[in-house]
Structures are given as structure tokens and as C-alpha cells.
């Protein structure tokens, strides 16, 4: 489980290297405004926390950075009986909550750190991307992106703190993960998990 992550903290932060071209001016403005308001920390959303975090996704064959509600809405509503801010990788194809978004609406979360049980993990101080699933829900009359972070079995130093960790998507898999024409199937899942082994093993407690 991961309930805290973020992107730097302060002005002038960069998105992870190697992302396909975004609309620089629009996305930079949106990201700067988010950083200013939240100091680069993503927060779980809820009825009393109407905050939105940066999400990279593909829509209409265009890669874009948007702001999303961290907790996936299910069947048009925010569920009260269970949390939807994390989705296990081994449940993506079997869970009725995750199956549809995994099939075609996948996203990436830009980050430079995540926190688990009070320990801050970083990837040699470099920004990285985390796998996510998203949909669009009507929130108070506005079409909003809602998302869940995908987690995997923890390895290396991360496994000493918690059995789960974010599923890091390296540059080599980002295009396939975001491609809406790429089926969300066992092949994509296994390839993504395999590609995440090296960056996952390199994730270390900061300081």
C-alpha cells in the first residue's frame, strides 16, 4: 500500500526524462500551479479533500498532463465500503473494479519519491513514473479524471518496510503502458512487471 508520494517540492522541478512530447506551455503551467498549492505532494482525494494530482495519460492520440482525483470512482461514485487509491498488480485482470480501466485507460504518475511507513524512498534522486489506472467521473457536475496507483510485490530495500510498493514503469515501457490501442492483457502486465525489476530494486530509503 502506498498513500503518499510526490514530485520534488519547490519550483523548477522536471518531469521524468524520456516521456513523449507533452504540450510544454500548457502542462508546465498546470504543473507549476499544482506545485505551488501542494508543495509537490500528492494527496488522496475525498469529499473533504477536493485536491487533484498530476496524471500523464493518452487521450485522442495525444499525450497530456492533467490533474486527477486520487481514488478511482467505481460505477460513477466514490465507494465508502473499500478504498480505491491502490490497485494490486495481481488483481488487474480479475477484479471487476480494475479490469475495465486496465484494458484501455492506463496512466502514469510522475514522482521523485514515495513514503511507506514513514520511510521516504527515492530512485537516486531522479524522477520516475508509477503505473496507474484511470476513468472519468462526474464529480459535482464536472467531468473529472479519477485514478488508482498500481502496486507490486516489494523487492530489495523496499521489502524490508512493506510487502507492497508502487509499480515503477521505466522509459522502455511507458509508451506501451499509455497506448490505448495496446490491450491490457497478461502480456502487457508481465512485460511491465519484468521491466520494473531494476528500478524497483534500486529504490532506496532517502538519507
N, C-alpha and C. Protein backbone atom coordinates (compact mmCIF):
# COMPACT_ATOMS: atom_id res chain seq x y z
N UNK A 1 0.85 -1.19 0.00
CA UNK A 1 0.00 0.00 0.00
C UNK A 1 0.88 1.24 0.00
N UNK A 2 0.49 2.22 -0.78
CA UNK A 2 1.21 3.49 -0.78
C UNK A 2 0.20 4.62 -0.74
N UNK A 3 0.30 5.47 0.28
CA UNK A 3 -0.66 6.54 0.44
C UNK A 3 -0.02 7.91 0.40
N UNK A 4 1.27 7.96 -0.01
CA UNK A 4 1.94 9.25 -0.09
C UNK A 4 3.08 9.18 -1.09
N UNK A 5 3.08 10.11 -2.03
CA UNK A 5 4.17 10.22 -2.99
C UNK A 5 4.19 11.66 -3.48
N UNK A 6 5.23 12.02 -4.22
CA UNK A 6 5.27 13.39 -4.70
C UNK A 6 6.34 13.61 -5.75
N UNK A 7 6.36 14.82 -6.24
CA UNK A 7 7.28 15.21 -7.31
C UNK A 7 8.10 16.39 -6.82
N UNK A 8 9.31 16.12 -6.36
CA UNK A 8 10.20 17.17 -5.90
C UNK A 8 9.62 17.90 -4.71
N UNK A 9 9.46 19.21 -4.90
CA UNK A 9 8.96 20.07 -3.84
C UNK A 9 9.62 21.41 -4.00
N UNK A 10 8.94 22.34 -4.64
CA UNK A 10 9.55 23.62 -4.97
C UNK A 10 9.46 23.87 -6.45
N UNK A 11 9.84 25.05 -6.89
CA UNK A 11 9.71 25.41 -8.28
C UNK A 11 10.84 24.81 -9.11
N UNK A 12 10.61 24.72 -10.42
CA UNK A 12 11.63 24.29 -11.34
C UNK A 12 11.82 22.79 -11.44
N UNK A 13 10.92 21.99 -10.88
CA UNK A 13 11.06 20.55 -10.96
C UNK A 13 10.81 20.06 -12.38
N UNK A 14 11.35 18.90 -12.68
CA UNK A 14 11.24 18.35 -14.01
C UNK A 14 10.42 17.06 -13.98
N UNK A 15 9.75 16.81 -15.11
CA UNK A 15 9.09 15.53 -15.27
C UNK A 15 10.16 14.49 -15.60
N UNK A 16 9.85 13.19 -15.43
CA UNK A 16 10.82 12.15 -15.75
C UNK A 16 11.30 12.26 -17.20
N UNK A 17 12.59 12.01 -17.42
CA UNK A 17 13.16 12.09 -18.76
C UNK A 17 12.59 10.99 -19.65
N UNK A 18 12.57 11.26 -20.95
CA UNK A 18 12.17 10.24 -21.91
C UNK A 18 10.70 10.12 -22.19
N UNK A 19 9.88 10.99 -21.60
CA UNK A 19 8.45 10.95 -21.91
C UNK A 19 8.23 11.49 -23.32
N UNK A 20 7.29 10.91 -24.07
CA UNK A 20 6.94 11.52 -25.35
C UNK A 20 6.53 12.97 -25.13
N UNK A 21 6.66 13.78 -26.15
CA UNK A 21 6.46 15.22 -26.03
C UNK A 21 5.08 15.58 -25.49
N UNK A 22 5.07 16.42 -24.46
CA UNK A 22 3.83 16.97 -23.94
C UNK A 22 3.66 18.38 -24.48
N UNK A 23 2.49 18.96 -24.29
CA UNK A 23 2.27 20.36 -24.63
C UNK A 23 2.98 21.18 -23.57
N UNK A 24 4.20 21.64 -23.87
CA UNK A 24 5.08 22.22 -22.85
C UNK A 24 4.45 23.38 -22.10
N UNK A 25 3.89 24.35 -22.80
CA UNK A 25 3.38 25.55 -22.14
C UNK A 25 2.19 25.23 -21.26
N UNK A 26 1.23 24.51 -21.80
CA UNK A 26 0.02 24.18 -21.03
C UNK A 26 0.35 23.31 -19.83
N UNK A 27 1.16 22.28 -20.05
CA UNK A 27 1.47 21.35 -18.98
C UNK A 27 2.37 21.97 -17.92
N UNK A 28 3.31 22.80 -18.35
CA UNK A 28 4.20 23.46 -17.39
C UNK A 28 3.42 24.40 -16.49
N UNK A 29 2.46 25.09 -17.05
CA UNK A 29 1.64 26.00 -16.26
C UNK A 29 0.80 25.23 -15.24
N UNK A 30 0.20 24.15 -15.69
CA UNK A 30 -0.63 23.33 -14.81
C UNK A 30 0.21 22.72 -13.69
N UNK A 31 1.39 22.21 -14.03
CA UNK A 31 2.25 21.59 -13.04
C UNK A 31 2.75 22.61 -12.03
N UNK A 32 3.15 23.79 -12.51
CA UNK A 32 3.66 24.84 -11.60
C UNK A 32 2.59 25.27 -10.61
N UNK A 33 1.34 25.37 -11.07
CA UNK A 33 0.25 25.76 -10.18
C UNK A 33 0.02 24.70 -9.12
N UNK A 34 0.12 23.43 -9.51
CA UNK A 34 -0.08 22.34 -8.55
C UNK A 34 1.04 22.35 -7.50
N UNK A 35 2.27 22.51 -7.96
CA UNK A 35 3.42 22.53 -7.05
C UNK A 35 3.26 23.67 -6.04
N UNK A 36 2.85 24.83 -6.52
CA UNK A 36 2.70 25.99 -5.65
C UNK A 36 1.65 25.73 -4.58
N UNK A 37 0.56 25.07 -4.95
CA UNK A 37 -0.53 24.86 -4.00
C UNK A 37 -0.26 23.73 -3.02
N UNK A 38 0.39 22.65 -3.50
CA UNK A 38 0.56 21.46 -2.66
C UNK A 38 2.01 21.12 -2.33
N UNK A 39 2.94 21.99 -2.71
CA UNK A 39 4.36 21.76 -2.44
C UNK A 39 4.84 20.42 -2.98
N UNK A 40 4.28 20.01 -4.10
CA UNK A 40 4.74 18.81 -4.77
C UNK A 40 4.30 17.50 -4.16
N UNK A 41 3.39 17.51 -3.19
CA UNK A 41 2.94 16.28 -2.55
C UNK A 41 1.55 15.89 -3.03
N UNK A 42 1.44 14.68 -3.57
CA UNK A 42 0.14 14.16 -3.99
C UNK A 42 -0.65 13.75 -2.76
N UNK A 43 -1.94 14.04 -2.79
CA UNK A 43 -2.80 13.72 -1.66
C UNK A 43 -4.01 12.92 -2.12
N UNK A 44 -4.39 11.94 -1.31
CA UNK A 44 -5.58 11.16 -1.60
C UNK A 44 -6.80 12.07 -1.54
N UNK A 45 -7.66 11.95 -2.52
CA UNK A 45 -8.84 12.82 -2.59
C UNK A 45 -10.03 12.18 -1.88
N UNK A 46 -10.96 13.04 -1.51
CA UNK A 46 -12.18 12.58 -0.85
C UNK A 46 -13.15 13.73 -0.78
N UNK A 47 -14.32 13.47 -0.26
CA UNK A 47 -15.35 14.51 -0.19
C UNK A 47 -14.91 15.73 0.62
N UNK A 48 -13.99 15.52 1.55
CA UNK A 48 -13.48 16.64 2.34
C UNK A 48 -12.09 17.07 1.89
N UNK A 49 -11.59 16.46 0.82
CA UNK A 49 -10.26 16.80 0.31
C UNK A 49 -10.34 16.84 -1.22
N UNK A 50 -10.81 17.95 -1.73
CA UNK A 50 -11.06 18.06 -3.16
C UNK A 50 -9.79 18.51 -3.89
N UNK A 51 -8.70 17.75 -3.70
CA UNK A 51 -7.44 18.08 -4.35
C UNK A 51 -7.20 17.13 -5.53
N UNK A 52 -6.41 17.59 -6.48
CA UNK A 52 -6.12 16.82 -7.68
C UNK A 52 -4.62 16.82 -7.94
N UNK A 53 -4.12 15.69 -8.45
CA UNK A 53 -2.68 15.49 -8.63
C UNK A 53 -2.33 15.26 -10.11
N UNK A 54 -1.07 15.51 -10.51
CA UNK A 54 -0.68 15.34 -11.92
C UNK A 54 -0.79 13.89 -12.38
N UNK A 55 -1.38 13.72 -13.54
CA UNK A 55 -1.55 12.40 -14.16
C UNK A 55 -1.18 12.54 -15.64
N UNK A 56 -0.36 11.64 -16.14
CA UNK A 56 0.01 11.64 -17.56
C UNK A 56 -0.78 10.54 -18.24
N UNK A 57 -1.49 10.89 -19.30
CA UNK A 57 -2.33 9.92 -19.99
C UNK A 57 -2.42 10.25 -21.48
N UNK A 58 -2.98 9.30 -22.21
CA UNK A 58 -3.17 9.49 -23.64
C UNK A 58 -4.67 9.58 -23.92
N UNK A 59 -5.07 10.67 -24.57
CA UNK A 59 -6.47 10.84 -24.95
C UNK A 59 -6.50 11.44 -26.35
N UNK A 60 -7.34 10.86 -27.21
CA UNK A 60 -7.44 11.32 -28.60
C UNK A 60 -6.07 11.31 -29.28
N UNK A 61 -5.32 10.23 -29.03
CA UNK A 61 -4.00 10.02 -29.63
C UNK A 61 -2.99 11.09 -29.23
N UNK A 62 -3.25 11.80 -28.16
CA UNK A 62 -2.34 12.86 -27.71
C UNK A 62 -1.97 12.61 -26.25
N UNK A 63 -0.67 12.73 -25.97
CA UNK A 63 -0.21 12.60 -24.61
C UNK A 63 -0.42 13.93 -23.90
N UNK A 64 -0.96 13.87 -22.69
CA UNK A 64 -1.24 15.10 -21.97
C UNK A 64 -1.03 14.91 -20.47
N UNK A 65 -0.75 16.01 -19.81
CA UNK A 65 -0.66 16.01 -18.36
C UNK A 65 -1.92 16.70 -17.84
N UNK A 66 -2.66 15.99 -17.02
CA UNK A 66 -3.88 16.55 -16.46
C UNK A 66 -3.83 16.38 -14.95
N UNK A 67 -4.88 16.81 -14.27
CA UNK A 67 -4.96 16.66 -12.83
C UNK A 67 -6.09 15.69 -12.49
N UNK A 68 -5.79 14.74 -11.62
CA UNK A 68 -6.77 13.71 -11.31
C UNK A 68 -7.00 13.53 -9.83
N UNK A 69 -8.15 12.96 -9.51
CA UNK A 69 -8.60 12.67 -8.14
C UNK A 69 -8.03 11.31 -7.75
N UNK A 70 -7.19 11.28 -6.70
CA UNK A 70 -6.54 10.03 -6.31
C UNK A 70 -7.48 9.18 -5.46
N UNK A 71 -8.23 8.35 -6.10
CA UNK A 71 -9.17 7.34 -5.62
C UNK A 71 -10.12 7.11 -6.77
N UNK A 72 -10.04 5.94 -7.37
CA UNK A 72 -10.83 5.65 -8.55
C UNK A 72 -12.32 5.54 -8.20
N UNK A 73 -13.15 6.27 -8.93
CA UNK A 73 -14.59 6.15 -8.75
C UNK A 73 -15.07 4.87 -9.44
N UNK A 74 -15.91 4.12 -8.76
CA UNK A 74 -16.44 2.87 -9.29
C UNK A 74 -17.93 3.01 -9.56
N UNK A 75 -18.34 2.68 -10.79
CA UNK A 75 -19.75 2.79 -11.17
C UNK A 75 -20.28 4.19 -10.89
N UNK A 76 -19.47 5.20 -11.18
CA UNK A 76 -19.92 6.57 -11.08
C UNK A 76 -19.95 7.17 -9.70
N UNK A 77 -19.32 6.51 -8.72
CA UNK A 77 -19.33 7.09 -7.38
C UNK A 77 -18.08 6.68 -6.61
N UNK A 78 -17.78 7.44 -5.58
CA UNK A 78 -16.67 7.13 -4.69
C UNK A 78 -17.17 6.12 -3.67
N UNK A 79 -16.56 4.95 -3.65
CA UNK A 79 -17.03 3.90 -2.77
C UNK A 79 -16.66 4.18 -1.32
N UNK A 80 -17.57 3.92 -0.41
CA UNK A 80 -17.31 4.11 1.01
C UNK A 80 -16.92 2.81 1.69
N UNK A 81 -17.27 1.68 1.05
CA UNK A 81 -17.04 0.40 1.70
C UNK A 81 -15.63 -0.16 1.49
N UNK A 82 -14.86 0.42 0.58
CA UNK A 82 -13.48 0.00 0.40
C UNK A 82 -12.68 1.12 -0.24
N UNK A 83 -11.37 1.10 -0.03
CA UNK A 83 -10.50 2.13 -0.60
C UNK A 83 -10.13 1.77 -2.03
N UNK A 84 -9.97 2.79 -2.87
CA UNK A 84 -9.63 2.55 -4.27
C UNK A 84 -8.44 3.41 -4.71
N UNK A 85 -7.57 3.77 -3.76
CA UNK A 85 -6.42 4.58 -4.15
C UNK A 85 -5.24 3.72 -4.60
N UNK A 86 -5.23 2.41 -4.23
CA UNK A 86 -4.22 1.48 -4.71
C UNK A 86 -4.89 0.29 -5.37
N UNK A 87 -4.24 -0.28 -6.41
CA UNK A 87 -4.73 -1.48 -7.08
C UNK A 87 -3.56 -2.47 -7.19
N UNK A 88 -3.74 -3.68 -6.72
CA UNK A 88 -2.69 -4.69 -6.78
C UNK A 88 -2.49 -5.15 -8.22
N UNK A 89 -1.22 -5.34 -8.62
CA UNK A 89 -0.93 -5.79 -9.98
C UNK A 89 -1.53 -7.16 -10.28
N UNK A 90 -1.60 -8.04 -9.26
CA UNK A 90 -2.11 -9.39 -9.50
C UNK A 90 -3.64 -9.45 -9.53
N UNK A 91 -4.29 -8.29 -9.40
CA UNK A 91 -5.75 -8.25 -9.45
C UNK A 91 -6.26 -7.46 -10.68
N UNK A 92 -5.36 -6.96 -11.50
CA UNK A 92 -5.78 -6.07 -12.58
C UNK A 92 -6.70 -6.74 -13.59
N UNK A 93 -6.50 -8.03 -13.85
CA UNK A 93 -7.31 -8.70 -14.87
C UNK A 93 -8.48 -9.47 -14.30
N UNK A 94 -8.56 -9.58 -12.98
CA UNK A 94 -9.63 -10.38 -12.37
C UNK A 94 -10.62 -9.54 -11.58
N UNK A 95 -10.19 -8.44 -11.01
CA UNK A 95 -11.09 -7.62 -10.21
C UNK A 95 -12.06 -6.86 -11.09
N UNK A 96 -13.37 -6.86 -10.76
CA UNK A 96 -14.33 -6.09 -11.55
C UNK A 96 -14.08 -4.59 -11.45
N UNK A 97 -13.34 -4.14 -10.43
CA UNK A 97 -13.05 -2.71 -10.28
C UNK A 97 -11.94 -2.27 -11.22
N UNK A 98 -10.92 -3.15 -11.42
CA UNK A 98 -9.72 -2.76 -12.17
C UNK A 98 -9.71 -3.25 -13.62
N UNK A 99 -10.50 -4.26 -13.93
CA UNK A 99 -10.41 -4.91 -15.25
C UNK A 99 -10.66 -3.95 -16.40
N UNK A 100 -11.71 -3.14 -16.32
CA UNK A 100 -12.04 -2.23 -17.42
C UNK A 100 -10.99 -1.14 -17.63
N UNK A 101 -10.56 -0.42 -16.58
CA UNK A 101 -9.54 0.60 -16.82
C UNK A 101 -8.20 0.00 -17.24
N UNK A 102 -7.86 -1.20 -16.74
CA UNK A 102 -6.60 -1.80 -17.18
C UNK A 102 -6.65 -2.13 -18.67
N UNK A 103 -7.83 -2.44 -19.17
CA UNK A 103 -7.96 -2.80 -20.58
C UNK A 103 -7.59 -1.65 -21.51
N UNK A 104 -7.91 -0.40 -21.13
CA UNK A 104 -7.69 0.68 -22.11
C UNK A 104 -7.41 2.06 -21.55
N UNK A 105 -7.59 2.29 -20.26
CA UNK A 105 -7.35 3.63 -19.72
C UNK A 105 -6.32 3.58 -18.61
N UNK A 106 -5.08 3.47 -19.06
CA UNK A 106 -3.94 3.42 -18.14
C UNK A 106 -3.23 4.77 -18.14
N UNK A 107 -2.57 5.07 -17.05
CA UNK A 107 -1.91 6.36 -16.91
C UNK A 107 -0.58 6.19 -16.19
N UNK A 108 0.16 7.28 -16.10
CA UNK A 108 1.42 7.31 -15.36
C UNK A 108 1.40 8.46 -14.37
N UNK A 109 1.99 8.23 -13.22
CA UNK A 109 2.09 9.26 -12.18
C UNK A 109 3.55 9.68 -12.07
N UNK A 110 3.87 10.95 -12.33
CA UNK A 110 5.25 11.39 -12.18
C UNK A 110 5.59 11.54 -10.70
N UNK A 111 6.79 11.10 -10.33
CA UNK A 111 7.19 11.15 -8.91
C UNK A 111 8.70 11.22 -8.79
N UNK A 112 9.16 11.71 -7.66
CA UNK A 112 10.57 11.63 -7.31
C UNK A 112 10.73 10.91 -5.97
N UNK A 113 9.63 10.60 -5.32
CA UNK A 113 9.69 9.88 -4.05
C UNK A 113 8.32 9.29 -3.70
N UNK A 114 8.34 8.30 -2.81
CA UNK A 114 7.10 7.82 -2.19
C UNK A 114 7.42 7.48 -0.75
N UNK A 115 6.41 7.46 0.09
CA UNK A 115 6.60 7.19 1.52
C UNK A 115 5.82 5.95 1.91
N UNK A 116 6.48 5.06 2.65
CA UNK A 116 5.83 3.87 3.19
C UNK A 116 6.24 3.72 4.64
N UNK A 117 5.26 3.70 5.54
CA UNK A 117 5.51 3.57 6.98
C UNK A 117 6.57 4.57 7.48
N UNK A 118 6.46 5.78 7.02
CA UNK A 118 7.34 6.84 7.47
C UNK A 118 8.70 6.89 6.80
N UNK A 119 8.99 5.95 5.91
CA UNK A 119 10.26 5.92 5.19
C UNK A 119 10.07 6.49 3.79
N UNK A 120 10.93 7.44 3.45
CA UNK A 120 10.86 8.06 2.12
C UNK A 120 11.82 7.34 1.17
N UNK A 121 11.26 6.82 0.09
CA UNK A 121 12.05 6.09 -0.91
C UNK A 121 12.28 6.96 -2.14
N UNK A 122 13.49 6.89 -2.68
CA UNK A 122 13.84 7.63 -3.89
C UNK A 122 14.63 6.73 -4.83
N UNK A 123 14.69 7.14 -6.10
CA UNK A 123 15.42 6.41 -7.11
C UNK A 123 16.63 7.26 -7.52
N UNK A 124 17.64 7.24 -6.67
CA UNK A 124 18.87 8.01 -6.89
C UNK A 124 18.58 9.49 -7.14
N UNK A 125 17.51 10.00 -6.53
CA UNK A 125 17.17 11.41 -6.67
C UNK A 125 16.57 11.78 -8.01
N UNK A 126 16.34 10.80 -8.89
CA UNK A 126 15.81 11.06 -10.23
C UNK A 126 14.30 10.85 -10.26
N UNK A 127 13.58 11.65 -11.07
CA UNK A 127 12.14 11.43 -11.21
C UNK A 127 11.86 10.12 -11.94
N UNK A 128 10.72 9.51 -11.64
CA UNK A 128 10.32 8.24 -12.26
C UNK A 128 8.82 8.27 -12.48
N UNK A 129 8.27 7.23 -13.09
CA UNK A 129 6.82 7.17 -13.31
C UNK A 129 6.26 5.90 -12.68
N UNK A 130 5.05 6.04 -12.13
CA UNK A 130 4.35 4.94 -11.47
C UNK A 130 3.11 4.59 -12.29
N UNK A 131 2.84 3.30 -12.43
CA UNK A 131 1.67 2.84 -13.17
C UNK A 131 0.38 3.24 -12.45
N UNK A 132 -0.62 3.59 -13.24
CA UNK A 132 -1.93 3.95 -12.68
C UNK A 132 -3.02 3.56 -13.67
N UNK A 133 -4.23 3.47 -13.18
CA UNK A 133 -5.43 3.26 -14.00
C UNK A 133 -6.35 4.44 -13.76
N UNK A 134 -7.08 4.85 -14.79
CA UNK A 134 -7.97 5.99 -14.59
C UNK A 134 -9.31 5.79 -15.29
N UNK A 135 -10.26 6.62 -14.91
CA UNK A 135 -11.51 6.76 -15.64
C UNK A 135 -11.96 8.21 -15.49
N UNK A 136 -13.10 8.53 -16.05
CA UNK A 136 -13.64 9.88 -15.95
C UNK A 136 -15.00 9.79 -15.26
N UNK A 137 -15.15 10.56 -14.20
CA UNK A 137 -16.38 10.52 -13.42
C UNK A 137 -16.98 11.92 -13.30
N UNK A 138 -18.29 11.97 -13.12
CA UNK A 138 -18.99 13.23 -12.90
C UNK A 138 -18.91 13.55 -11.41
N UNK A 139 -18.08 14.54 -11.08
CA UNK A 139 -17.92 14.95 -9.69
C UNK A 139 -18.49 16.35 -9.54
N UNK A 140 -19.62 16.43 -8.87
CA UNK A 140 -20.30 17.71 -8.67
C UNK A 140 -20.56 18.42 -9.98
N UNK A 141 -20.97 17.64 -10.99
CA UNK A 141 -21.34 18.22 -12.28
C UNK A 141 -20.20 18.51 -13.23
N UNK A 142 -18.97 18.12 -12.84
CA UNK A 142 -17.80 18.35 -13.68
C UNK A 142 -17.15 17.01 -14.01
N UNK A 143 -16.81 16.79 -15.28
CA UNK A 143 -16.12 15.57 -15.69
C UNK A 143 -14.69 15.61 -15.18
N UNK A 144 -14.35 14.72 -14.27
CA UNK A 144 -13.03 14.71 -13.64
C UNK A 144 -12.34 13.36 -13.85
N UNK A 145 -11.03 13.40 -13.99
CA UNK A 145 -10.24 12.18 -14.04
C UNK A 145 -10.09 11.66 -12.61
N UNK A 146 -10.33 10.37 -12.41
CA UNK A 146 -10.06 9.73 -11.13
C UNK A 146 -9.12 8.57 -11.39
N UNK A 147 -8.24 8.27 -10.44
CA UNK A 147 -7.24 7.24 -10.72
C UNK A 147 -6.87 6.44 -9.48
N UNK A 148 -6.26 5.29 -9.74
CA UNK A 148 -5.71 4.45 -8.69
C UNK A 148 -4.27 4.12 -9.03
N UNK A 149 -3.39 4.11 -8.04
CA UNK A 149 -1.99 3.74 -8.23
C UNK A 149 -1.86 2.22 -8.22
N UNK A 150 -1.09 1.68 -9.16
CA UNK A 150 -0.86 0.23 -9.21
C UNK A 150 0.35 -0.12 -8.35
N UNK A 151 0.21 -1.16 -7.54
CA UNK A 151 1.31 -1.62 -6.69
C UNK A 151 1.74 -3.03 -7.08
N UNK A 152 2.94 -3.38 -6.72
CA UNK A 152 3.51 -4.71 -6.99
C UNK A 152 4.16 -5.24 -5.71
N UNK A 153 4.61 -6.50 -5.74
CA UNK A 153 5.34 -7.06 -4.61
C UNK A 153 6.63 -6.29 -4.43
N UNK A 154 6.93 -5.91 -3.19
CA UNK A 154 8.14 -5.14 -2.91
C UNK A 154 9.37 -6.03 -3.04
N UNK A 155 10.48 -5.42 -3.45
CA UNK A 155 11.75 -6.12 -3.57
C UNK A 155 12.84 -5.29 -2.90
N UNK A 156 14.00 -5.93 -2.70
CA UNK A 156 15.18 -5.26 -2.17
C UNK A 156 14.86 -4.47 -0.89
N UNK A 157 15.37 -3.23 -0.79
CA UNK A 157 15.22 -2.47 0.44
C UNK A 157 13.76 -2.14 0.75
N UNK A 158 12.96 -1.94 -0.29
CA UNK A 158 11.54 -1.63 -0.06
C UNK A 158 10.83 -2.76 0.67
N UNK A 159 11.25 -4.01 0.43
CA UNK A 159 10.58 -5.16 1.05
C UNK A 159 10.84 -5.25 2.54
N UNK A 160 11.83 -4.54 3.05
CA UNK A 160 12.10 -4.56 4.49
C UNK A 160 11.15 -3.66 5.26
N UNK A 161 10.40 -2.83 4.53
CA UNK A 161 9.48 -1.89 5.17
C UNK A 161 8.02 -2.31 4.99
N UNK A 162 7.69 -2.80 3.78
CA UNK A 162 6.30 -3.19 3.49
C UNK A 162 6.31 -4.21 2.36
N UNK A 163 5.36 -5.14 2.32
CA UNK A 163 5.35 -6.16 1.26
C UNK A 163 4.93 -5.64 -0.11
N UNK A 164 4.40 -4.42 -0.18
CA UNK A 164 3.99 -3.85 -1.47
C UNK A 164 4.74 -2.55 -1.72
N UNK A 165 4.85 -2.18 -3.00
CA UNK A 165 5.48 -0.92 -3.39
C UNK A 165 4.85 -0.47 -4.72
N UNK A 166 4.99 0.81 -5.09
CA UNK A 166 4.44 1.27 -6.37
C UNK A 166 5.07 0.51 -7.54
N UNK A 167 4.29 0.27 -8.58
CA UNK A 167 4.80 -0.36 -9.80
C UNK A 167 5.45 0.71 -10.67
N UNK A 168 6.77 0.77 -10.64
CA UNK A 168 7.52 1.76 -11.42
C UNK A 168 7.56 1.32 -12.88
N UNK A 169 7.22 2.24 -13.78
CA UNK A 169 7.25 1.96 -15.22
C UNK A 169 8.44 2.70 -15.82
N UNK A 170 9.47 1.96 -16.26
CA UNK A 170 10.65 2.62 -16.82
C UNK A 170 10.37 3.16 -18.22
N UNK A 171 11.30 3.95 -18.71
CA UNK A 171 11.12 4.61 -20.01
C UNK A 171 10.80 3.61 -21.12
N UNK A 172 11.40 2.43 -21.10
CA UNK A 172 11.20 1.44 -22.17
C UNK A 172 9.77 0.94 -22.29
N UNK A 173 8.95 1.08 -21.20
CA UNK A 173 7.58 0.55 -21.21
C UNK A 173 6.52 1.63 -21.19
N UNK A 174 6.90 2.90 -21.09
CA UNK A 174 5.90 3.95 -20.93
C UNK A 174 4.95 4.05 -22.12
N UNK A 175 5.49 4.01 -23.32
CA UNK A 175 4.64 4.16 -24.50
C UNK A 175 3.61 3.04 -24.58
N UNK A 176 4.03 1.79 -24.32
CA UNK A 176 3.10 0.66 -24.36
C UNK A 176 2.05 0.76 -23.26
N UNK A 177 2.46 1.17 -22.07
CA UNK A 177 1.52 1.28 -20.95
C UNK A 177 0.45 2.33 -21.23
N UNK A 178 0.83 3.44 -21.85
CA UNK A 178 -0.12 4.52 -22.10
C UNK A 178 -0.97 4.30 -23.33
N UNK A 179 -0.50 3.49 -24.28
CA UNK A 179 -1.18 3.32 -25.57
C UNK A 179 -2.57 2.71 -25.39
N UNK A 180 -3.60 3.47 -25.74
CA UNK A 180 -4.97 2.98 -25.60
C UNK A 180 -5.30 1.87 -26.58
N UNK A 181 -4.49 1.73 -27.63
CA UNK A 181 -4.70 0.65 -28.59
C UNK A 181 -4.02 -0.64 -28.14
N UNK A 182 -3.16 -0.55 -27.14
CA UNK A 182 -2.49 -1.72 -26.59
C UNK A 182 -3.41 -2.38 -25.57
N UNK A 183 -3.75 -3.63 -25.82
CA UNK A 183 -4.66 -4.33 -24.92
C UNK A 183 -4.05 -4.51 -23.54
N UNK A 184 -4.85 -4.30 -22.53
CA UNK A 184 -4.42 -4.57 -21.16
C UNK A 184 -4.59 -6.05 -20.89
N UNK A 185 -3.56 -6.82 -21.14
CA UNK A 185 -3.65 -8.27 -21.02
C UNK A 185 -2.46 -8.81 -20.24
N UNK A 186 -2.37 -10.15 -20.17
CA UNK A 186 -1.30 -10.78 -19.40
C UNK A 186 0.08 -10.42 -19.96
N UNK A 187 0.18 -10.28 -21.28
CA UNK A 187 1.45 -9.93 -21.89
C UNK A 187 1.94 -8.57 -21.47
N UNK A 188 1.05 -7.58 -21.50
CA UNK A 188 1.44 -6.23 -21.09
C UNK A 188 1.80 -6.21 -19.61
N UNK A 189 1.02 -6.89 -18.79
CA UNK A 189 1.27 -6.88 -17.35
C UNK A 189 2.61 -7.52 -17.03
N UNK A 190 2.88 -8.70 -17.61
CA UNK A 190 4.14 -9.38 -17.30
C UNK A 190 5.34 -8.59 -17.80
N UNK A 191 5.21 -7.95 -18.97
CA UNK A 191 6.31 -7.16 -19.51
C UNK A 191 6.58 -5.94 -18.64
N UNK A 192 5.51 -5.32 -18.14
CA UNK A 192 5.67 -4.14 -17.29
C UNK A 192 6.32 -4.51 -15.96
N UNK A 193 5.87 -5.61 -15.36
CA UNK A 193 6.45 -6.04 -14.09
C UNK A 193 7.92 -6.41 -14.27
N UNK A 194 8.23 -7.12 -15.36
CA UNK A 194 9.62 -7.51 -15.61
C UNK A 194 10.51 -6.28 -15.79
N UNK A 195 10.00 -5.29 -16.52
CA UNK A 195 10.80 -4.08 -16.76
C UNK A 195 10.98 -3.25 -15.50
N UNK A 196 10.10 -3.46 -14.52
CA UNK A 196 10.17 -2.67 -13.28
C UNK A 196 11.16 -3.25 -12.27
N UNK A 197 11.68 -4.44 -12.53
CA UNK A 197 12.54 -5.09 -11.56
C UNK A 197 13.77 -4.24 -11.21
N UNK A 198 14.46 -3.73 -12.23
CA UNK A 198 15.70 -2.97 -11.95
C UNK A 198 15.44 -1.69 -11.17
N UNK A 199 14.51 -0.82 -11.62
CA UNK A 199 14.27 0.39 -10.83
C UNK A 199 13.67 0.10 -9.46
N UNK A 200 12.88 -0.96 -9.35
CA UNK A 200 12.32 -1.31 -8.05
C UNK A 200 13.42 -1.73 -7.08
N UNK A 201 14.37 -2.52 -7.57
CA UNK A 201 15.48 -2.96 -6.73
C UNK A 201 16.39 -1.81 -6.34
N UNK A 202 16.43 -0.77 -7.19
CA UNK A 202 17.29 0.39 -6.92
C UNK A 202 16.64 1.42 -6.00
N UNK A 203 15.35 1.26 -5.71
CA UNK A 203 14.67 2.20 -4.85
C UNK A 203 15.24 2.10 -3.43
N UNK A 204 15.64 3.23 -2.87
CA UNK A 204 16.30 3.19 -1.58
C UNK A 204 15.75 4.25 -0.63
N UNK A 205 15.89 4.00 0.65
CA UNK A 205 15.44 4.96 1.66
C UNK A 205 16.33 6.20 1.59
N UNK A 206 15.73 7.34 1.48
CA UNK A 206 16.49 8.59 1.34
C UNK A 206 17.26 8.90 2.60
N UNK A 207 18.50 9.34 2.42
CA UNK A 207 19.32 9.77 3.54
C UNK A 207 19.93 8.63 4.33
